[in-house]
Every structure is written in structure tokens, then in C-alpha cells.
């Protein structure tokens, strides 16, 4: 499911409203028919709204095809990556999208013996290939730049 965060939040809110309406209906006294009829109507309306949001998300996901990228296309894009990254029109938002697309996760481990933070970069679709070692520039200086020992890593930690 390729839903947007807004759509997921909307669906969560609709489901919460339906659960809350059910809780109110379930807590009502069955002898008080006027109240239970109204609460049941609210519950049904909340369920219908949740189903409507789910249907919209399903339609949205079906209408958005997942592009198939062949290795040749990816190789040509990779060749242009440095140009795009350093381009004057490339803003931080685009750079973050590129990083989020290429990197699956980064695992950090502290090597106490060497006083280093070892980073393992898990690239999308590739085995972990980058080990970065960042040394602290000084005790308590969190803003000081950290040198990188691997050329496979970016120029900062």
C-alpha cells in the first residue's frame, strides 16, 4: 500500500471515530431505545465514513502504478547523481528524497576500543557495503565535524 501519511492519518481517525461510536453504543442502556437508536445511527455513519476513506485509498493506490526501473536506467541515473546533488537548483527536500530512496537503513555501533562510531549503510537492493568510522573531535563537542575513514560514505556523519 503506497498511501500518503495524510491518507493514513485520515483512515486512522475514521477508524478511531467508528470505534468510539461503537463504545458509546455499547455502553448505552438498551432500555433507552431513543438513545440507542441515535447512537447506532452515529456508529453506522462512522463505519460508512471509514469504509469511504478505505475505498478512496484503494482507488488512489490502484491509480498510481509502481514504475519498473531496469538496471540500465538506474545506471544512467547513478551517473548523473553527482550533477543533480551539486546542482544549484537542488534543494534540501530533493536531497532528502534521494537519500530516502537509496538508503534502506543505517546501523550505528560504538567501538569503545577505537573511540569510534561505526556506521553500516544498508542500500536499497544491495548488501551492506559501506562501513564508516566517525571519531569524536573532542569530548562534549557535538557540533564539531567528524572525519570519515571510508570513501564510500558521505562527507559527514
C-alpha atoms as a PDB file:
ATOM      1  CA  UNK A   1       0.000   0.000   0.000  1.00  0.00           C
ATOM      2  CA  UNK A   2       1.515   3.307  -1.116  1.00  0.00           C
ATOM      3  CA  UNK A   3      -0.647   5.632   0.916  1.00  0.00           C
ATOM      4  CA  UNK A   4       0.385   9.125   1.828  1.00  0.00           C
ATOM      5  CA  UNK A   5       0.833   9.991   5.508  1.00  0.00           C
ATOM      6  CA  UNK A   6      -2.224  12.251   5.293  1.00  0.00           C
ATOM      7  CA  UNK A   7      -4.382   9.428   3.922  1.00  0.00           C
ATOM      8  CA  UNK A   8      -3.136   7.029   6.584  1.00  0.00           C
ATOM      9  CA  UNK A   9      -3.900   9.586   9.310  1.00  0.00           C
ATOM     10  CA  UNK A  10      -7.364  10.164   7.853  1.00  0.00           C
ATOM     11  CA  UNK A  11      -8.051   6.428   7.844  1.00  0.00           C
ATOM     12  CA  UNK A  12      -6.796   6.087  11.408  1.00  0.00           C
ATOM     13  CA  UNK A  13      -9.043   8.961  12.517  1.00  0.00           C
ATOM     14  CA  UNK A  14     -12.057   7.422  10.761  1.00  0.00           C
ATOM     15  CA  UNK A  15     -11.431   4.036  12.399  1.00  0.00           C
ATOM     16  CA  UNK A  16     -10.987   5.713  15.787  1.00  0.00           C
ATOM     17  CA  UNK A  17     -14.298   7.561  15.348  1.00  0.00           C
ATOM     18  CA  UNK A  18     -16.031   4.294  14.434  1.00  0.00           C
ATOM     19  CA  UNK A  19     -14.549   2.528  17.477  1.00  0.00           C
ATOM     20  CA  UNK A  20     -15.567   5.426  19.713  1.00  0.00           C
ATOM     21  CA  UNK A  21     -19.103   5.404  18.311  1.00  0.00           C
ATOM     22  CA  UNK A  22     -19.320   1.664  18.952  1.00  0.00           C
ATOM     23  CA  UNK A  23     -18.102   2.177  22.521  1.00  0.00           C
ATOM     24  CA  UNK A  24     -20.826   4.771  23.119  1.00  0.00           C
ATOM     25  CA  UNK A  25     -23.462   2.490  21.571  1.00  0.00           C
ATOM     26  CA  UNK A  26     -22.263  -0.494  23.580  1.00  0.00           C
ATOM     27  CA  UNK A  27     -22.287   1.477  26.839  1.00  0.00           C
ATOM     28  CA  UNK A  28     -25.849   2.744  26.325  1.00  0.00           C
ATOM     29  CA  UNK A  29     -28.729   1.284  28.287  1.00  0.00           C
ATOM     30  CA  UNK A  30     -30.744  -0.988  25.937  1.00  0.00           C
ATOM     31  CA  UNK A  31     -33.928   0.044  27.715  1.00  0.00           C
ATOM     32  CA  UNK A  32     -33.482   3.606  26.477  1.00  0.00           C
ATOM     33  CA  UNK A  33     -34.384   2.955  22.830  1.00  0.00           C
ATOM     34  CA  UNK A  34     -34.280   6.574  21.659  1.00  0.00           C
ATOM     35  CA  UNK A  35     -30.681   6.955  22.781  1.00  0.00           C
ATOM     36  CA  UNK A  36     -29.570   3.584  21.412  1.00  0.00           C
ATOM     37  CA  UNK A  37     -31.200   4.266  18.030  1.00  0.00           C
ATOM     38  CA  UNK A  38     -29.338   7.579  17.754  1.00  0.00           C
ATOM     39  CA  UNK A  39     -26.031   6.032  18.867  1.00  0.00           C
ATOM     40  CA  UNK A  40     -26.467   3.167  16.420  1.00  0.00           C
ATOM     41  CA  UNK A  41     -27.082   5.667  13.616  1.00  0.00           C
ATOM     42  CA  UNK A  42     -23.879   7.541  14.570  1.00  0.00           C
ATOM     43  CA  UNK A  43     -21.968   4.270  14.673  1.00  0.00           C
ATOM     44  CA  UNK A  44     -23.232   3.276  11.216  1.00  0.00           C
ATOM     45  CA  UNK A  45     -22.338   6.724   9.850  1.00  0.00           C
ATOM     46  CA  UNK A  46     -18.802   6.437  11.288  1.00  0.00           C
ATOM     47  CA  UNK A  47     -18.409   2.942   9.789  1.00  0.00           C
ATOM     48  CA  UNK A  48     -19.588   4.226   6.403  1.00  0.00           C
ATOM     49  CA  UNK A  49     -17.092   7.101   6.583  1.00  0.00           C
ATOM     50  CA  UNK A  50     -14.246   4.684   7.425  1.00  0.00           C
ATOM     51  CA  UNK A  51     -15.229   2.456   4.500  1.00  0.00           C
ATOM     52  CA  UNK A  52     -15.329   5.515   2.220  1.00  0.00           C
ATOM     53  CA  UNK A  53     -11.811   6.556   3.270  1.00  0.00           C
ATOM     54  CA  UNK A  54     -10.543   2.998   2.726  1.00  0.00           C
ATOM     55  CA  UNK A  55     -12.145   2.945  -0.737  1.00  0.00           C
ATOM     56  CA  UNK A  56     -10.516   6.277  -1.645  1.00  0.00           C
ATOM     57  CA  UNK A  57      -7.123   4.958  -0.544  1.00  0.00           C
ATOM     58  CA  UNK A  58      -7.613   1.768  -2.562  1.00  0.00           C
ATOM     59  CA  UNK A  59      -8.583   3.759  -5.660  1.00  0.00           C
ATOM     60  CA  UNK A  60      -5.612   6.090  -5.159  1.00  0.00           C
ATOM     61  CA  UNK A  61      -3.183   3.178  -4.779  1.00  0.00           C
ATOM     62  CA  UNK A  62      -4.585   1.388  -7.828  1.00  0.00           C
ATOM     63  CA  UNK A  63      -4.325   4.533  -9.965  1.00  0.00           C
ATOM     64  CA  UNK A  64      -0.671   5.058  -9.030  1.00  0.00           C
ATOM     65  CA  UNK A  65       1.352   2.422 -10.886  1.00  0.00           C
ATOM     66  CA  UNK A  66       4.665   1.424  -9.418  1.00  0.00           C
ATOM     67  CA  UNK A  67       7.315   2.227 -12.024  1.00  0.00           C
ATOM     68  CA  UNK A  68       9.555  -0.617 -13.077  1.00  0.00           C
ATOM     69  CA  UNK A  69      13.160   0.503 -13.333  1.00  0.00           C
ATOM     70  CA  UNK A  70      15.548  -1.571 -15.379  1.00  0.00           C
ATOM     71  CA  UNK A  71      19.238  -1.742 -14.421  1.00  0.00           C
ATOM     72  CA  UNK A  72      20.330   0.324 -17.441  1.00  0.00           C
ATOM     73  CA  UNK A  73      18.065   3.205 -16.437  1.00  0.00           C
ATOM     74  CA  UNK A  74      19.297   3.039 -12.849  1.00  0.00           C
ATOM     75  CA  UNK A  75      22.921   3.042 -14.037  1.00  0.00           C
ATOM     76  CA  UNK A  76      22.353   6.160 -16.150  1.00  0.00           C
ATOM     77  CA  UNK A  77      20.642   7.897 -13.239  1.00  0.00           C
ATOM     78  CA  UNK A  78      23.502   6.942 -10.936  1.00  0.00           C
ATOM     79  CA  UNK A  79      25.972   8.524 -13.360  1.00  0.00           C
ATOM     80  CA  UNK A  80      24.054  11.811 -13.135  1.00  0.00           C
ATOM     81  CA  UNK A  81      23.629  11.712  -9.357  1.00  0.00           C
ATOM     82  CA  UNK A  82      26.622  13.939  -8.593  1.00  0.00           C
ATOM     83  CA  UNK A  83      25.391  16.551 -11.075  1.00  0.00           C
ATOM     84  CA  UNK A  84      21.916  16.540  -9.551  1.00  0.00           C
ATOM     85  CA  UNK A  85      23.235  16.573  -5.965  1.00  0.00           C
ATOM     86  CA  UNK A  86      25.536  19.546  -6.519  1.00  0.00           C
ATOM     87  CA  UNK A  87      23.205  21.427  -8.853  1.00  0.00           C
ATOM     88  CA  UNK A  88      22.234  24.972  -7.826  1.00  0.00           C
ATOM     89  CA  UNK A  89      18.511  24.192  -8.093  1.00  0.00           C
ATOM     90  CA  UNK A  90      18.702  21.082  -5.877  1.00  0.00           C
ATOM     91  CA  UNK A  91      17.223  21.929  -2.502  1.00  0.00           C
ATOM     92  CA  UNK A  92      17.393  20.009   0.778  1.00  0.00           C
ATOM     93  CA  UNK A  93      13.969  18.437   0.211  1.00  0.00           C
ATOM     94  CA  UNK A  94      15.110  16.760  -3.029  1.00  0.00           C
ATOM     95  CA  UNK A  95      18.351  15.604  -1.416  1.00  0.00           C
ATOM     96  CA  UNK A  96      16.386  14.023   1.432  1.00  0.00           C
ATOM     97  CA  UNK A  97      14.147  12.239  -1.086  1.00  0.00           C
ATOM     98  CA  UNK A  98      17.200  10.893  -2.887  1.00  0.00           C
ATOM     99  CA  UNK A  99      18.749   9.643   0.354  1.00  0.00           C
ATOM    100  CA  UNK A 100      15.477   8.052   1.493  1.00  0.00           C
ATOM    101  CA  UNK A 101      15.171   6.341  -1.881  1.00  0.00           C
ATOM    102  CA  UNK A 102      18.712   4.949  -1.920  1.00  0.00           C
ATOM    103  CA  UNK A 103      19.330   4.046   1.726  1.00  0.00           C
ATOM    104  CA  UNK A 104      17.274   1.389   3.496  1.00  0.00           C
ATOM    105  CA  UNK A 105      18.800   1.944   6.935  1.00  0.00           C
ATOM    106  CA  UNK A 106      21.963   2.992   8.726  1.00  0.00           C
ATOM    107  CA  UNK A 107      23.114   0.930  11.682  1.00  0.00           C
ATOM    108  CA  UNK A 108      25.355   2.675  14.205  1.00  0.00           C
ATOM    109  CA  UNK A 109      27.612   0.870  16.657  1.00  0.00           C
ATOM    110  CA  UNK A 110      30.057   2.306  19.173  1.00  0.00           C
ATOM    111  CA  UNK A 111      33.570   0.870  19.147  1.00  0.00           C
ATOM    112  CA  UNK A 112      34.835   1.767  22.622  1.00  0.00           C
ATOM    113  CA  UNK A 113      38.356   0.455  21.991  1.00  0.00           C
ATOM    114  CA  UNK A 114      38.919   2.711  18.983  1.00  0.00           C
ATOM    115  CA  UNK A 115      36.682   5.552  20.259  1.00  0.00           C
ATOM    116  CA  UNK A 116      34.710   5.437  17.035  1.00  0.00           C
ATOM    117  CA  UNK A 117      31.140   5.256  15.912  1.00  0.00           C
ATOM    118  CA  UNK A 118      30.928   2.614  13.182  1.00  0.00           C
ATOM    119  CA  UNK A 119      28.145   3.121  10.630  1.00  0.00           C
ATOM    120  CA  UNK A 120      26.912   0.347   8.329  1.00  0.00           C
ATOM    121  CA  UNK A 121      24.868   1.630   5.414  1.00  0.00           C
ATOM    122  CA  UNK A 122      22.234  -0.754   4.048  1.00  0.00           C
ATOM    123  CA  UNK A 123      21.492   0.378   0.492  1.00  0.00           C
ATOM    124  CA  UNK A 124      18.171  -0.478  -1.147  1.00  0.00           C
ATOM    125  CA  UNK A 125      18.525  -3.762  -3.019  1.00  0.00           C
ATOM    126  CA  UNK A 126      22.218  -4.226  -2.146  1.00  0.00           C
ATOM    127  CA  UNK A 127      24.073  -5.961   0.661  1.00  0.00           C
ATOM    128  CA  UNK A 128      25.647  -3.648   3.276  1.00  0.00           C
ATOM    129  CA  UNK A 129      28.769  -2.264   1.635  1.00  0.00           C
ATOM    130  CA  UNK A 130      29.770   0.890   3.468  1.00  0.00           C
ATOM    131  CA  UNK A 131      31.460   0.935   6.832  1.00  0.00           C
ATOM    132  CA  UNK A 132      32.103   4.422   8.137  1.00  0.00           C
ATOM    133  CA  UNK A 133      34.091   5.199  11.235  1.00  0.00           C
ATOM    134  CA  UNK A 134      33.483   8.586  12.818  1.00  0.00           C
ATOM    135  CA  UNK A 135      35.822   9.816  15.505  1.00  0.00           C
ATOM    136  CA  UNK A 136      34.720  12.382  18.015  1.00  0.00           C
ATOM    137  CA  UNK A 137      36.520  15.700  17.557  1.00  0.00           C
ATOM    138  CA  UNK A 138      36.513  16.300  21.284  1.00  0.00           C
ATOM    139  CA  UNK A 139      34.660  15.491  24.433  1.00  0.00           C
ATOM    140  CA  UNK A 140      31.299  17.200  24.548  1.00  0.00           C
ATOM    141  CA  UNK A 141      31.605  18.870  21.141  1.00  0.00           C
ATOM    142  CA  UNK A 142      28.554  17.501  19.355  1.00  0.00           C
ATOM    143  CA  UNK A 143      28.667  20.185  16.665  1.00  0.00           C
ATOM    144  CA  UNK A 144      32.307  19.612  15.644  1.00  0.00           C
ATOM    145  CA  UNK A 145      32.793  17.918  12.253  1.00  0.00           C
ATOM    146  CA  UNK A 146      33.611  14.224  12.330  1.00  0.00           C
ATOM    147  CA  UNK A 147      36.128  12.781   9.832  1.00  0.00           C
ATOM    148  CA  UNK A 148      35.128   9.726   7.829  1.00  0.00           C
ATOM    149  CA  UNK A 149      37.509   6.846   7.180  1.00  0.00           C
ATOM    150  CA  UNK A 150      35.644   5.308   4.225  1.00  0.00           C
ATOM    151  CA  UNK A 151      35.338   6.848   0.761  1.00  0.00           C
ATOM    152  CA  UNK A 152      32.025   5.004   0.245  1.00  0.00           C
ATOM    153  CA  UNK A 153      30.326   7.187   2.818  1.00  0.00           C
ATOM    154  CA  UNK A 154      29.062  10.694   2.554  1.00  0.00           C
ATOM    155  CA  UNK A 155      31.324  13.502   3.702  1.00  0.00           C
ATOM    156  CA  UNK A 156      29.715  13.780   7.130  1.00  0.00           C
ATOM    157  CA  UNK A 157      28.260  11.535   9.820  1.00  0.00           C
END
